[in-house]
């Protein structure tokens, strides 16, 4: 199997192109290939497949073998891959995902290579039952959740996958490893959840650290950055566009007041290519 190792702000993926459909053993392959010691090592396994609705379809398996509905960093990697490898020669393309449908993608190209990707991430879902949570509110803003005797307050957002955003005094140094996995599987979240811990530093800049459902702590999460911006607007903390600073770098996020869509702009990088016998 030929593969390409790519990352978006350190959120890294094994990217596979050429399959006509998702392999039946994709879950098992993800667990094996994403292992940091016994495999290639990655946060997820990404398949670029044919689509009847868009230029390409993206399917992504988390490192634990579960399938993610959407991934903002992965979709930027897919966009860079198909352009840089000559599979498409347009700077505006479409990519289908199972969670957010067909997404419009705009490429910034320098010297024949993609340097930045702007993705229309669609409209955020704010209805609590649709995120999903077990809370019948629309939206779910500053809602309490208790874990091991400690109360957090969260805002629920779906960007094609579920997120809860929690504001803390110091997101950069927050104890992600203790609280992230406990909140991920809390009964309030019937399909588990991605957990973002955020600190608002100004109207246009937020620090965020993420515990990803099915992957654990990662250096960046594109949909999580989008959810953080939406949450911060709902809580009155930021303007409708802001830089979200993650451990792996910055993403620029906009929530357009006219079409209600969220737009994400950031880089994607190729690390290396390889061939693996499986």
Protein backbone atom coordinates (compact mmCIF):
# COMPACT_ATOMS: atom_id res chain seq x y z
CA UNK A 1 0.00 0.00 0.00
CA UNK A 2 1.35 3.40 -1.00
CA UNK A 3 0.75 6.18 1.52
CA UNK A 4 1.64 9.80 2.20
CA UNK A 5 2.27 11.18 5.69
CA UNK A 6 0.79 14.67 6.07
CA UNK A 7 -0.14 17.05 8.85
CA UNK A 8 -2.15 20.18 9.55
CA UNK A 9 -0.46 22.08 12.40
CA UNK A 10 0.91 18.81 13.76
CA UNK A 11 -2.42 16.94 13.60
CA UNK A 12 -0.99 14.12 11.47
CA UNK A 13 -2.46 11.59 9.09
CA UNK A 14 -1.63 8.62 6.93
CA UNK A 15 -3.22 9.56 3.59
CA UNK A 16 -4.16 6.89 1.03
CA UNK A 17 -5.25 7.66 -2.53
CA UNK A 18 -6.48 5.23 -5.20
CA UNK A 19 -9.03 3.04 -3.44
CA UNK A 20 -12.49 3.00 -5.03
CA UNK A 21 -14.28 2.56 -1.69
CA UNK A 22 -13.51 2.36 2.00
CA UNK A 23 -11.85 -1.02 2.70
CA UNK A 24 -13.82 -3.40 4.90
CA UNK A 25 -10.88 -3.57 7.31
CA UNK A 26 -10.30 0.19 7.45
CA UNK A 27 -10.86 0.26 11.21
CA UNK A 28 -8.27 -2.45 11.85
CA UNK A 29 -5.83 -0.78 9.46
CA UNK A 30 -6.20 2.53 11.30
CA UNK A 31 -5.37 1.00 14.67
CA UNK A 32 -2.32 -0.75 13.19
CA UNK A 33 -0.96 2.03 11.00
CA UNK A 34 -1.56 4.89 13.45
CA UNK A 35 0.31 3.21 16.31
CA UNK A 36 3.22 5.48 17.28
CA UNK A 37 5.62 2.59 17.99
CA UNK A 38 4.46 -0.40 15.93
CA UNK A 39 3.04 1.44 12.91
CA UNK A 40 3.63 4.61 10.90
CA UNK A 41 2.25 6.79 13.67
CA UNK A 42 -0.62 9.23 13.18
CA UNK A 43 -3.79 10.68 14.65
CA UNK A 44 -5.86 9.20 11.82
CA UNK A 45 -5.98 7.22 8.58
CA UNK A 46 -7.47 9.20 5.67
CA UNK A 47 -8.84 7.73 2.45
CA UNK A 48 -9.35 9.95 -0.60
CA UNK A 49 -12.15 8.28 -2.59
CA UNK A 50 -14.32 8.99 -5.65
CA UNK A 51 -17.50 10.98 -5.04
CA UNK A 52 -20.74 11.29 -6.99
CA UNK A 53 -21.48 14.65 -5.38
CA UNK A 54 -18.08 16.38 -5.26
CA UNK A 55 -14.61 16.27 -6.78
CA UNK A 56 -13.45 13.87 -4.05
CA UNK A 57 -14.71 12.17 -0.91
CA UNK A 58 -12.79 12.01 2.38
CA UNK A 59 -13.23 9.22 4.90
CA UNK A 60 -11.19 9.34 8.10
CA UNK A 61 -10.59 6.65 10.70
CA UNK A 62 -9.36 7.72 14.12
CA UNK A 63 -6.35 6.05 15.69
CA UNK A 64 -8.68 3.94 17.86
CA UNK A 65 -10.46 2.56 14.78
CA UNK A 66 -13.62 4.66 15.06
CA UNK A 67 -14.72 6.78 12.11
CA UNK A 68 -14.79 10.56 12.36
CA UNK A 69 -17.64 12.37 10.60
CA UNK A 70 -15.42 15.32 9.75
CA UNK A 71 -11.91 16.68 10.36
CA UNK A 72 -10.83 20.20 9.51
CA UNK A 73 -7.10 19.52 9.47
CA UNK A 74 -7.53 16.37 7.38
CA UNK A 75 -9.63 18.12 4.75
CA UNK A 76 -6.87 20.69 4.24
CA UNK A 77 -4.38 17.83 3.80
CA UNK A 78 -6.67 16.17 1.26
CA UNK A 79 -7.00 19.42 -0.68
CA UNK A 80 -3.25 19.89 -0.80
CA UNK A 81 -2.68 16.26 -1.79
CA UNK A 82 -5.04 16.22 -4.78
CA UNK A 83 -3.75 19.52 -6.16
CA UNK A 84 -0.04 18.96 -5.59
CA UNK A 85 -0.27 15.46 -7.12
CA UNK A 86 -2.05 16.72 -10.23
CA UNK A 87 -5.40 15.01 -9.61
CA UNK A 88 -7.11 18.37 -10.10
CA UNK A 89 -5.87 21.69 -11.49
CA UNK A 90 -8.46 24.11 -10.10
CA UNK A 91 -7.95 26.34 -7.09
CA UNK A 92 -11.59 25.95 -6.03
CA UNK A 93 -12.65 22.35 -5.39
CA UNK A 94 -15.28 20.36 -3.50
CA UNK A 95 -14.74 17.56 -0.98
CA UNK A 96 -17.50 15.35 0.41
CA UNK A 97 -17.52 14.26 4.06
CA UNK A 98 -20.00 11.98 5.81
CA UNK A 99 -20.71 14.49 8.59
CA UNK A 100 -20.81 17.87 6.86
CA UNK A 101 -21.72 16.90 3.29
CA UNK A 102 -20.04 18.64 0.34
CA UNK A 103 -17.62 21.36 1.37
CA UNK A 104 -16.25 24.17 -0.77
CA UNK A 105 -12.47 24.54 -0.60
CA UNK A 106 -10.31 27.40 -1.90
CA UNK A 107 -6.59 26.89 -2.39
CA UNK A 108 -3.78 29.42 -2.21
CA UNK A 109 -1.02 28.21 -4.54
CA UNK A 110 2.60 29.39 -4.60
CA UNK A 111 5.19 27.99 -7.03
CA UNK A 112 2.82 25.21 -8.06
CA UNK A 113 2.21 23.97 -4.50
CA UNK A 114 -0.66 24.61 -2.10
CA UNK A 115 0.48 26.89 0.72
CA UNK A 116 -2.84 27.55 2.45
CA UNK A 117 -6.39 26.20 2.35
CA UNK A 118 -9.67 27.98 3.13
CA UNK A 119 -12.56 25.63 3.82
CA UNK A 120 -16.26 26.43 4.01
CA UNK A 121 -17.05 24.33 7.07
CA UNK A 122 -20.80 24.92 6.76
CA UNK A 123 -23.31 26.06 9.34
CA UNK A 124 -22.76 25.17 12.99
CA UNK A 125 -25.39 22.97 14.63
CA UNK A 126 -26.42 24.42 17.98
CA UNK A 127 -29.49 22.41 18.94
CA UNK A 128 -28.48 20.34 21.95
CA UNK A 129 -30.16 17.13 20.86
CA UNK A 130 -28.67 17.40 17.38
CA UNK A 131 -25.05 18.00 18.46
CA UNK A 132 -25.79 15.49 20.06
CA UNK A 133 -26.13 15.98 23.80
CA UNK A 134 -28.97 14.85 26.05
CA UNK A 135 -29.92 18.50 26.66
CA UNK A 136 -33.07 19.79 24.97
CA UNK A 137 -31.96 23.41 24.53
CA UNK A 138 -31.12 25.51 21.48
CA UNK A 139 -28.40 26.64 21.89
CA UNK A 140 -26.61 24.95 24.80
CA UNK A 141 -24.50 27.80 26.19
CA UNK A 142 -22.60 27.94 29.49
CA UNK A 143 -24.24 24.71 30.69
CA UNK A 144 -22.91 22.85 33.74
CA UNK A 145 -21.33 19.40 33.59
CA UNK A 146 -19.88 17.66 36.64
CA UNK A 147 -16.99 15.19 36.56
CA UNK A 148 -15.43 13.64 39.67
CA UNK A 149 -16.84 16.38 41.87
CA UNK A 150 -15.61 19.25 39.68
CA UNK A 151 -18.05 21.41 37.74
CA UNK A 152 -17.24 22.75 34.29
CA UNK A 153 -19.44 24.94 32.12
CA UNK A 154 -19.59 24.18 28.41
CA UNK A 155 -21.09 25.32 25.14
CA UNK A 156 -22.13 22.61 22.66
CA UNK A 157 -21.45 22.94 18.92
CA UNK A 158 -21.47 20.47 16.06
CA UNK A 159 -19.36 21.18 12.98
CA UNK A 160 -20.36 17.85 11.44
CA UNK A 161 -18.91 16.26 14.58
CA UNK A 162 -19.72 17.04 18.24
CA UNK A 163 -17.78 19.48 20.42
CA UNK A 164 -18.06 20.93 23.90
CA UNK A 165 -16.07 24.10 24.55
CA UNK A 166 -15.01 24.87 28.12
CA UNK A 167 -13.38 28.14 29.21
CA UNK A 168 -10.50 27.94 31.67
CA UNK A 169 -8.00 30.44 33.09
CA UNK A 170 -4.97 28.93 31.32
CA UNK A 171 -5.73 26.60 28.41
CA UNK A 172 -2.05 26.26 27.48
CA UNK A 173 -1.13 24.64 30.79
CA UNK A 174 -4.47 22.99 31.57
CA UNK A 175 -4.45 19.34 32.75
CA UNK A 176 -5.82 17.97 29.49
CA UNK A 177 -4.89 14.36 30.22
CA UNK A 178 -6.95 14.22 33.42
CA UNK A 179 -10.17 15.92 32.37
CA UNK A 180 -10.33 15.36 28.59
CA UNK A 181 -10.94 11.58 28.62
CA UNK A 182 -13.51 11.84 31.42
CA UNK A 183 -15.53 14.51 29.64
CA UNK A 184 -15.29 12.67 26.29
CA UNK A 185 -17.38 9.77 27.64
CA UNK A 186 -19.69 11.73 29.97
CA UNK A 187 -23.35 10.54 29.83
CA UNK A 188 -24.43 13.99 28.60
CA UNK A 189 -22.78 13.10 25.28
CA UNK A 190 -24.38 9.97 23.79
CA UNK A 191 -21.89 9.67 20.90
CA UNK A 192 -18.96 10.84 22.99
CA UNK A 193 -17.53 14.30 22.28
CA UNK A 194 -14.48 16.34 21.34
CA UNK A 195 -13.46 18.56 24.25
CA UNK A 196 -11.90 22.01 23.79
CA UNK A 197 -10.40 23.97 26.69
CA UNK A 198 -10.13 27.64 25.74
CA UNK A 199 -8.83 30.94 27.10
CA UNK A 200 -9.97 34.17 25.47
CA UNK A 201 -7.11 36.67 25.39
CA UNK A 202 -8.77 39.36 23.25
CA UNK A 203 -11.72 39.90 20.90
CA UNK A 204 -9.67 38.38 18.07
CA UNK A 205 -7.43 35.75 19.70
CA UNK A 206 -8.13 32.59 21.71
CA UNK A 207 -5.80 29.91 23.07
CA UNK A 208 -7.23 26.40 22.77
CA UNK A 209 -6.15 22.87 23.64
CA UNK A 210 -8.11 19.83 22.53
CA UNK A 211 -8.89 16.28 23.57
CA UNK A 212 -10.20 14.61 20.42
CA UNK A 213 -12.82 11.88 20.53
CA UNK A 214 -11.15 8.67 19.42
CA UNK A 215 -7.65 10.14 19.24
CA UNK A 216 -6.90 11.79 22.59
CA UNK A 217 -4.68 14.89 22.83
CA UNK A 218 -3.67 16.27 19.44
CA UNK A 219 -1.64 19.30 18.40
CA UNK A 220 -4.56 20.83 16.51
CA UNK A 221 -8.22 20.30 15.62
CA UNK A 222 -9.78 22.28 12.78
CA UNK A 223 -13.41 21.58 13.63
CA UNK A 224 -12.54 22.24 17.27
CA UNK A 225 -11.13 25.64 16.35
CA UNK A 226 -14.36 26.39 14.46
CA UNK A 227 -16.45 25.28 17.43
CA UNK A 228 -14.35 27.45 19.73
CA UNK A 229 -14.96 30.55 17.63
CA UNK A 230 -18.71 29.88 17.44
CA UNK A 231 -18.86 29.25 21.18
CA UNK A 232 -16.90 32.43 21.91
CA UNK A 233 -19.31 34.50 19.81
CA UNK A 234 -22.31 32.92 21.55
CA UNK A 235 -20.76 33.72 24.93
CA UNK A 236 -20.06 37.33 23.87
CA UNK A 237 -16.30 36.90 24.25
CA UNK A 238 -14.98 37.49 20.71
CA UNK A 239 -15.87 39.05 17.39
CA UNK A 240 -17.07 36.84 14.52
CA UNK A 241 -13.53 36.29 13.26
CA UNK A 242 -10.51 35.39 15.35
CA UNK A 243 -7.21 33.57 15.43
CA UNK A 244 -7.45 30.32 17.35
CA UNK A 245 -4.01 29.37 18.70
CA UNK A 246 -3.47 25.64 19.12
CA UNK A 247 -0.44 23.74 20.32
CA UNK A 248 0.64 23.14 16.70
CA UNK A 249 0.00 26.68 15.44
CA UNK A 250 -2.73 29.13 14.45
CA UNK A 251 -5.95 28.83 12.46
CA UNK A 252 -7.98 31.82 11.30
CA UNK A 253 -11.71 31.22 11.79
CA UNK A 254 -14.64 33.32 10.55
CA UNK A 255 -18.37 32.93 11.28
CA UNK A 256 -20.08 34.84 8.49
CA UNK A 257 -23.17 36.71 9.63
CA UNK A 258 -24.70 36.72 6.13
CA UNK A 259 -24.68 33.00 5.26
CA UNK A 260 -24.16 31.62 8.80
CA UNK A 261 -21.24 29.52 7.52
CA UNK A 262 -17.95 29.05 9.35
CA UNK A 263 -14.73 29.43 7.33
CA UNK A 264 -11.38 27.98 8.36
CA UNK A 265 -8.02 29.03 6.88
CA UNK A 266 -4.75 27.28 7.60
CA UNK A 267 -1.81 25.31 6.21
CA UNK A 268 -1.23 21.65 5.33
CA UNK A 269 2.13 19.97 4.93
CA UNK A 270 3.54 16.85 3.28
CA UNK A 271 6.00 14.99 5.52
CA UNK A 272 7.03 11.95 3.46
CA UNK A 273 5.78 9.15 1.18
CA UNK A 274 6.18 5.43 1.63
CA UNK A 275 5.07 1.91 0.74
CA UNK A 276 3.83 -0.56 3.32
CA UNK A 277 3.10 -4.28 3.00
CA UNK A 278 -0.25 -5.10 4.63
